[in-house]
């Protein structure tokens, strides 16, 4: 599985809330330091956790799935990219 990650100028909770509103067919669950996102079939498509941004402020790191290995994984890859798009206006350069 291949994942990419981006920094986001939002808290993990705000990222989760934005993804819930904008991406259909996603379940989120609390994990130790953030949230994970799964398709309704249970495939992991992303995670969000706290991160320090380059300017020293607190934000989040969103990891999202990009690999395409099968029809199910292709759907997960598209869904993972939708996670990124849901927070695209708040991305931060590393």
N, C-alpha and C. Protein backbone atom coordinates (compact mmCIF):
# COMPACT_ATOMS: atom_id res chain seq x y z
N UNK A 1 0.85 -1.18 0.00
CA UNK A 1 0.00 0.00 0.00
C UNK A 1 0.89 1.23 0.00
N UNK A 2 0.48 2.21 -0.73
CA UNK A 2 1.24 3.45 -0.80
C UNK A 2 0.40 4.58 -0.22
N UNK A 3 1.05 5.39 0.58
CA UNK A 3 0.41 6.54 1.19
C UNK A 3 1.25 7.78 0.92
N UNK A 4 0.59 8.92 0.83
CA UNK A 4 1.27 10.21 0.79
C UNK A 4 0.80 10.98 2.00
N UNK A 5 1.53 12.02 2.37
CA UNK A 5 1.09 12.82 3.52
C UNK A 5 1.25 14.29 3.22
N UNK A 6 0.40 15.08 3.86
CA UNK A 6 0.43 16.53 3.74
C UNK A 6 0.20 17.13 5.12
N UNK A 7 0.73 18.33 5.30
CA UNK A 7 0.47 19.09 6.52
C UNK A 7 -0.76 19.95 6.30
N UNK A 8 -1.56 20.08 7.34
CA UNK A 8 -2.82 20.82 7.25
C UNK A 8 -2.89 21.80 8.42
N UNK A 9 -3.26 23.04 8.13
CA UNK A 9 -3.37 24.08 9.16
C UNK A 9 -4.72 24.01 9.86
N UNK A 10 -5.07 22.82 10.33
CA UNK A 10 -6.29 22.58 11.11
C UNK A 10 -5.96 21.54 12.17
N UNK A 11 -6.72 21.51 13.25
CA UNK A 11 -6.54 20.47 14.26
C UNK A 11 -7.01 19.13 13.68
N UNK A 12 -6.56 18.01 14.25
CA UNK A 12 -7.06 16.72 13.77
C UNK A 12 -8.59 16.62 13.83
N UNK A 13 -9.20 17.17 14.87
CA UNK A 13 -10.67 17.13 14.98
C UNK A 13 -11.32 17.92 13.86
N UNK A 14 -10.77 19.09 13.52
CA UNK A 14 -11.31 19.89 12.43
C UNK A 14 -11.14 19.19 11.09
N UNK A 15 -10.00 18.51 10.90
CA UNK A 15 -9.78 17.74 9.67
C UNK A 15 -10.83 16.63 9.58
N UNK A 16 -11.02 15.89 10.67
CA UNK A 16 -12.02 14.82 10.70
C UNK A 16 -13.41 15.36 10.35
N UNK A 17 -13.78 16.48 10.96
CA UNK A 17 -15.11 17.05 10.72
C UNK A 17 -15.28 17.46 9.26
N UNK A 18 -14.25 18.05 8.68
CA UNK A 18 -14.32 18.48 7.28
C UNK A 18 -14.44 17.28 6.35
N UNK A 19 -13.67 16.24 6.62
CA UNK A 19 -13.73 15.03 5.80
C UNK A 19 -15.11 14.38 5.92
N UNK A 20 -15.65 14.30 7.12
CA UNK A 20 -16.99 13.72 7.31
C UNK A 20 -18.04 14.43 6.47
N UNK A 21 -17.92 15.76 6.37
CA UNK A 21 -18.90 16.55 5.61
C UNK A 21 -18.72 16.41 4.11
N UNK A 22 -17.49 16.19 3.65
CA UNK A 22 -17.22 16.27 2.22
C UNK A 22 -16.95 14.95 1.51
N UNK A 23 -16.70 13.89 2.24
CA UNK A 23 -16.36 12.61 1.61
C UNK A 23 -17.42 11.57 2.00
N UNK A 24 -18.11 11.04 1.00
CA UNK A 24 -19.15 10.03 1.27
C UNK A 24 -18.53 8.66 1.47
N UNK A 25 -19.21 7.83 2.25
CA UNK A 25 -18.79 6.44 2.42
C UNK A 25 -17.57 6.25 3.30
N UNK A 26 -17.33 7.20 4.20
CA UNK A 26 -16.15 7.14 5.08
C UNK A 26 -16.61 7.04 6.53
N UNK A 27 -15.95 6.17 7.27
CA UNK A 27 -16.15 6.10 8.73
C UNK A 27 -14.87 6.59 9.37
N UNK A 28 -14.99 7.32 10.45
CA UNK A 28 -13.80 7.74 11.19
C UNK A 28 -13.86 7.14 12.58
N UNK A 29 -12.69 6.84 13.12
CA UNK A 29 -12.64 6.35 14.49
C UNK A 29 -11.43 6.95 15.18
N UNK A 30 -11.58 7.18 16.47
CA UNK A 30 -10.52 7.75 17.29
C UNK A 30 -9.43 6.70 17.47
N UNK A 31 -8.20 7.11 17.28
CA UNK A 31 -7.04 6.27 17.58
C UNK A 31 -6.17 7.04 18.56
N UNK A 32 -5.09 6.46 18.99
CA UNK A 32 -4.28 7.01 20.06
C UNK A 32 -4.06 8.53 19.96
N UNK A 33 -3.57 9.01 18.84
CA UNK A 33 -3.24 10.43 18.75
C UNK A 33 -3.99 11.16 17.63
N UNK A 34 -5.07 10.61 17.16
CA UNK A 34 -5.83 11.27 16.10
C UNK A 34 -7.01 10.43 15.66
N UNK A 35 -7.17 10.31 14.34
CA UNK A 35 -8.30 9.58 13.78
C UNK A 35 -7.84 8.77 12.58
N UNK A 36 -8.54 7.68 12.31
CA UNK A 36 -8.31 6.94 11.07
C UNK A 36 -9.61 6.94 10.28
N UNK A 37 -9.46 6.81 8.97
CA UNK A 37 -10.60 6.84 8.06
C UNK A 37 -10.63 5.54 7.28
N UNK A 38 -11.81 4.93 7.25
CA UNK A 38 -12.00 3.66 6.54
C UNK A 38 -13.23 3.76 5.64
N UNK A 39 -13.18 3.00 4.55
CA UNK A 39 -14.36 2.89 3.71
C UNK A 39 -15.40 2.08 4.47
N UNK A 40 -16.62 2.08 3.98
CA UNK A 40 -17.67 1.29 4.64
C UNK A 40 -17.36 -0.20 4.63
N UNK A 41 -16.49 -0.65 3.72
CA UNK A 41 -16.09 -2.06 3.70
C UNK A 41 -14.91 -2.33 4.64
N UNK A 42 -14.42 -1.29 5.32
CA UNK A 42 -13.37 -1.47 6.32
C UNK A 42 -11.95 -1.22 5.86
N UNK A 43 -11.75 -0.82 4.60
CA UNK A 43 -10.41 -0.59 4.07
C UNK A 43 -9.87 0.75 4.58
N UNK A 44 -8.68 0.72 5.16
CA UNK A 44 -8.05 1.94 5.67
C UNK A 44 -7.64 2.83 4.50
N UNK A 45 -8.10 4.09 4.50
CA UNK A 45 -7.76 5.02 3.42
C UNK A 45 -7.01 6.25 3.92
N UNK A 46 -6.90 6.44 5.23
CA UNK A 46 -6.15 7.58 5.71
C UNK A 46 -6.14 7.69 7.22
N UNK A 47 -5.22 8.54 7.70
CA UNK A 47 -5.13 8.85 9.12
C UNK A 47 -4.82 10.34 9.26
N UNK A 48 -5.17 10.90 10.38
CA UNK A 48 -4.78 12.27 10.69
C UNK A 48 -4.28 12.29 12.13
N UNK A 49 -3.18 13.01 12.34
CA UNK A 49 -2.58 13.10 13.67
C UNK A 49 -2.04 14.51 13.87
N UNK A 50 -1.79 14.90 15.13
CA UNK A 50 -1.24 16.22 15.40
C UNK A 50 0.15 16.35 14.77
N UNK A 51 0.50 17.57 14.38
CA UNK A 51 1.82 17.83 13.81
C UNK A 51 2.21 19.27 14.09
N UNK A 52 3.50 19.52 14.16
CA UNK A 52 4.01 20.88 14.26
C UNK A 52 4.28 21.37 12.84
N UNK A 53 3.70 22.51 12.50
CA UNK A 53 3.86 23.08 11.16
C UNK A 53 5.20 23.80 11.07
N UNK A 54 5.68 24.08 9.86
CA UNK A 54 6.99 24.73 9.69
C UNK A 54 7.15 26.05 10.44
N UNK A 55 6.05 26.78 10.66
CA UNK A 55 6.14 28.05 11.39
C UNK A 55 6.09 27.85 12.90
N UNK A 56 6.04 26.59 13.36
CA UNK A 56 6.02 26.29 14.79
C UNK A 56 4.63 26.14 15.37
N UNK A 57 3.60 26.46 14.60
CA UNK A 57 2.24 26.33 15.11
C UNK A 57 1.78 24.87 15.04
N UNK A 58 0.68 24.60 15.70
CA UNK A 58 0.14 23.24 15.74
C UNK A 58 -0.89 23.05 14.64
N UNK A 59 -0.79 21.94 13.96
CA UNK A 59 -1.73 21.58 12.91
C UNK A 59 -1.87 20.08 12.87
N UNK A 60 -1.96 19.53 11.67
CA UNK A 60 -2.15 18.08 11.51
C UNK A 60 -1.34 17.56 10.34
N UNK A 61 -1.09 16.25 10.39
CA UNK A 61 -0.52 15.54 9.24
C UNK A 61 -1.58 14.55 8.78
N UNK A 62 -1.99 14.68 7.53
CA UNK A 62 -2.96 13.78 6.92
C UNK A 62 -2.21 12.80 6.03
N UNK A 63 -2.30 11.52 6.33
CA UNK A 63 -1.77 10.45 5.47
C UNK A 63 -2.95 9.85 4.73
N UNK A 64 -2.84 9.73 3.41
CA UNK A 64 -3.95 9.20 2.63
C UNK A 64 -3.45 8.21 1.59
N UNK A 65 -4.26 7.22 1.35
CA UNK A 65 -3.88 6.12 0.47
C UNK A 65 -3.91 6.55 -0.99
N UNK A 66 -2.89 6.12 -1.75
CA UNK A 66 -2.83 6.46 -3.17
C UNK A 66 -2.61 5.25 -4.07
N UNK A 67 -2.35 4.06 -3.51
CA UNK A 67 -2.00 2.89 -4.33
C UNK A 67 -3.21 2.31 -5.04
N UNK A 68 -2.91 1.64 -6.15
CA UNK A 68 -3.96 0.96 -6.91
C UNK A 68 -3.45 -0.45 -7.20
N UNK A 69 -3.95 -1.44 -6.46
CA UNK A 69 -3.53 -2.83 -6.63
C UNK A 69 -4.67 -3.72 -7.11
N UNK A 70 -5.89 -3.30 -6.89
CA UNK A 70 -7.07 -4.09 -7.27
C UNK A 70 -8.24 -3.13 -7.41
N UNK A 71 -9.38 -3.63 -7.82
CA UNK A 71 -10.56 -2.77 -7.94
C UNK A 71 -10.90 -2.13 -6.60
N UNK A 72 -10.82 -2.92 -5.53
CA UNK A 72 -11.11 -2.38 -4.20
C UNK A 72 -10.08 -1.34 -3.81
N UNK A 73 -8.80 -1.63 -4.09
CA UNK A 73 -7.74 -0.68 -3.76
C UNK A 73 -7.84 0.58 -4.63
N UNK A 74 -8.29 0.42 -5.87
CA UNK A 74 -8.47 1.59 -6.74
C UNK A 74 -9.50 2.53 -6.13
N UNK A 75 -10.59 1.96 -5.64
CA UNK A 75 -11.61 2.77 -4.97
C UNK A 75 -11.02 3.43 -3.73
N UNK A 76 -10.23 2.69 -2.97
CA UNK A 76 -9.60 3.25 -1.76
C UNK A 76 -8.64 4.37 -2.13
N UNK A 77 -7.91 4.22 -3.23
CA UNK A 77 -7.00 5.27 -3.68
C UNK A 77 -7.74 6.53 -4.05
N UNK A 78 -8.87 6.38 -4.76
CA UNK A 78 -9.68 7.55 -5.11
C UNK A 78 -10.24 8.19 -3.85
N UNK A 79 -10.72 7.36 -2.92
CA UNK A 79 -11.28 7.88 -1.68
C UNK A 79 -10.20 8.57 -0.86
N UNK A 80 -9.00 8.01 -0.82
CA UNK A 80 -7.90 8.65 -0.11
C UNK A 80 -7.61 10.04 -0.66
N UNK A 81 -7.63 10.17 -1.98
CA UNK A 81 -7.41 11.48 -2.59
C UNK A 81 -8.54 12.45 -2.26
N UNK A 82 -9.75 11.92 -2.08
CA UNK A 82 -10.87 12.77 -1.67
C UNK A 82 -10.63 13.33 -0.26
N UNK A 83 -9.98 12.55 0.60
CA UNK A 83 -9.64 13.05 1.94
C UNK A 83 -8.78 14.30 1.81
N UNK A 84 -7.75 14.21 0.95
CA UNK A 84 -6.85 15.35 0.74
C UNK A 84 -7.61 16.55 0.18
N UNK A 85 -8.45 16.31 -0.80
CA UNK A 85 -9.21 17.40 -1.40
C UNK A 85 -10.13 18.09 -0.39
N UNK A 86 -10.62 17.34 0.58
CA UNK A 86 -11.53 17.91 1.58
C UNK A 86 -10.86 19.00 2.41
N UNK A 87 -9.53 18.95 2.52
CA UNK A 87 -8.81 19.95 3.32
C UNK A 87 -7.82 20.75 2.47
N UNK A 88 -7.98 20.71 1.15
CA UNK A 88 -7.01 21.31 0.24
C UNK A 88 -6.77 22.80 0.48
N UNK A 89 -7.76 23.53 0.94
CA UNK A 89 -7.58 24.96 1.18
C UNK A 89 -6.73 25.25 2.41
N UNK A 90 -6.47 24.24 3.23
CA UNK A 90 -5.72 24.43 4.47
C UNK A 90 -4.38 23.71 4.46
N UNK A 91 -3.90 23.29 3.29
CA UNK A 91 -2.62 22.60 3.21
C UNK A 91 -1.47 23.56 3.48
N UNK A 92 -0.40 23.02 4.04
CA UNK A 92 0.79 23.80 4.40
C UNK A 92 1.99 23.12 3.75
N UNK A 93 2.89 23.89 3.19
CA UNK A 93 4.12 23.31 2.62
C UNK A 93 5.04 22.89 3.74
N UNK A 94 5.66 21.67 3.59
CA UNK A 94 6.64 21.25 4.60
C UNK A 94 7.95 21.96 4.37
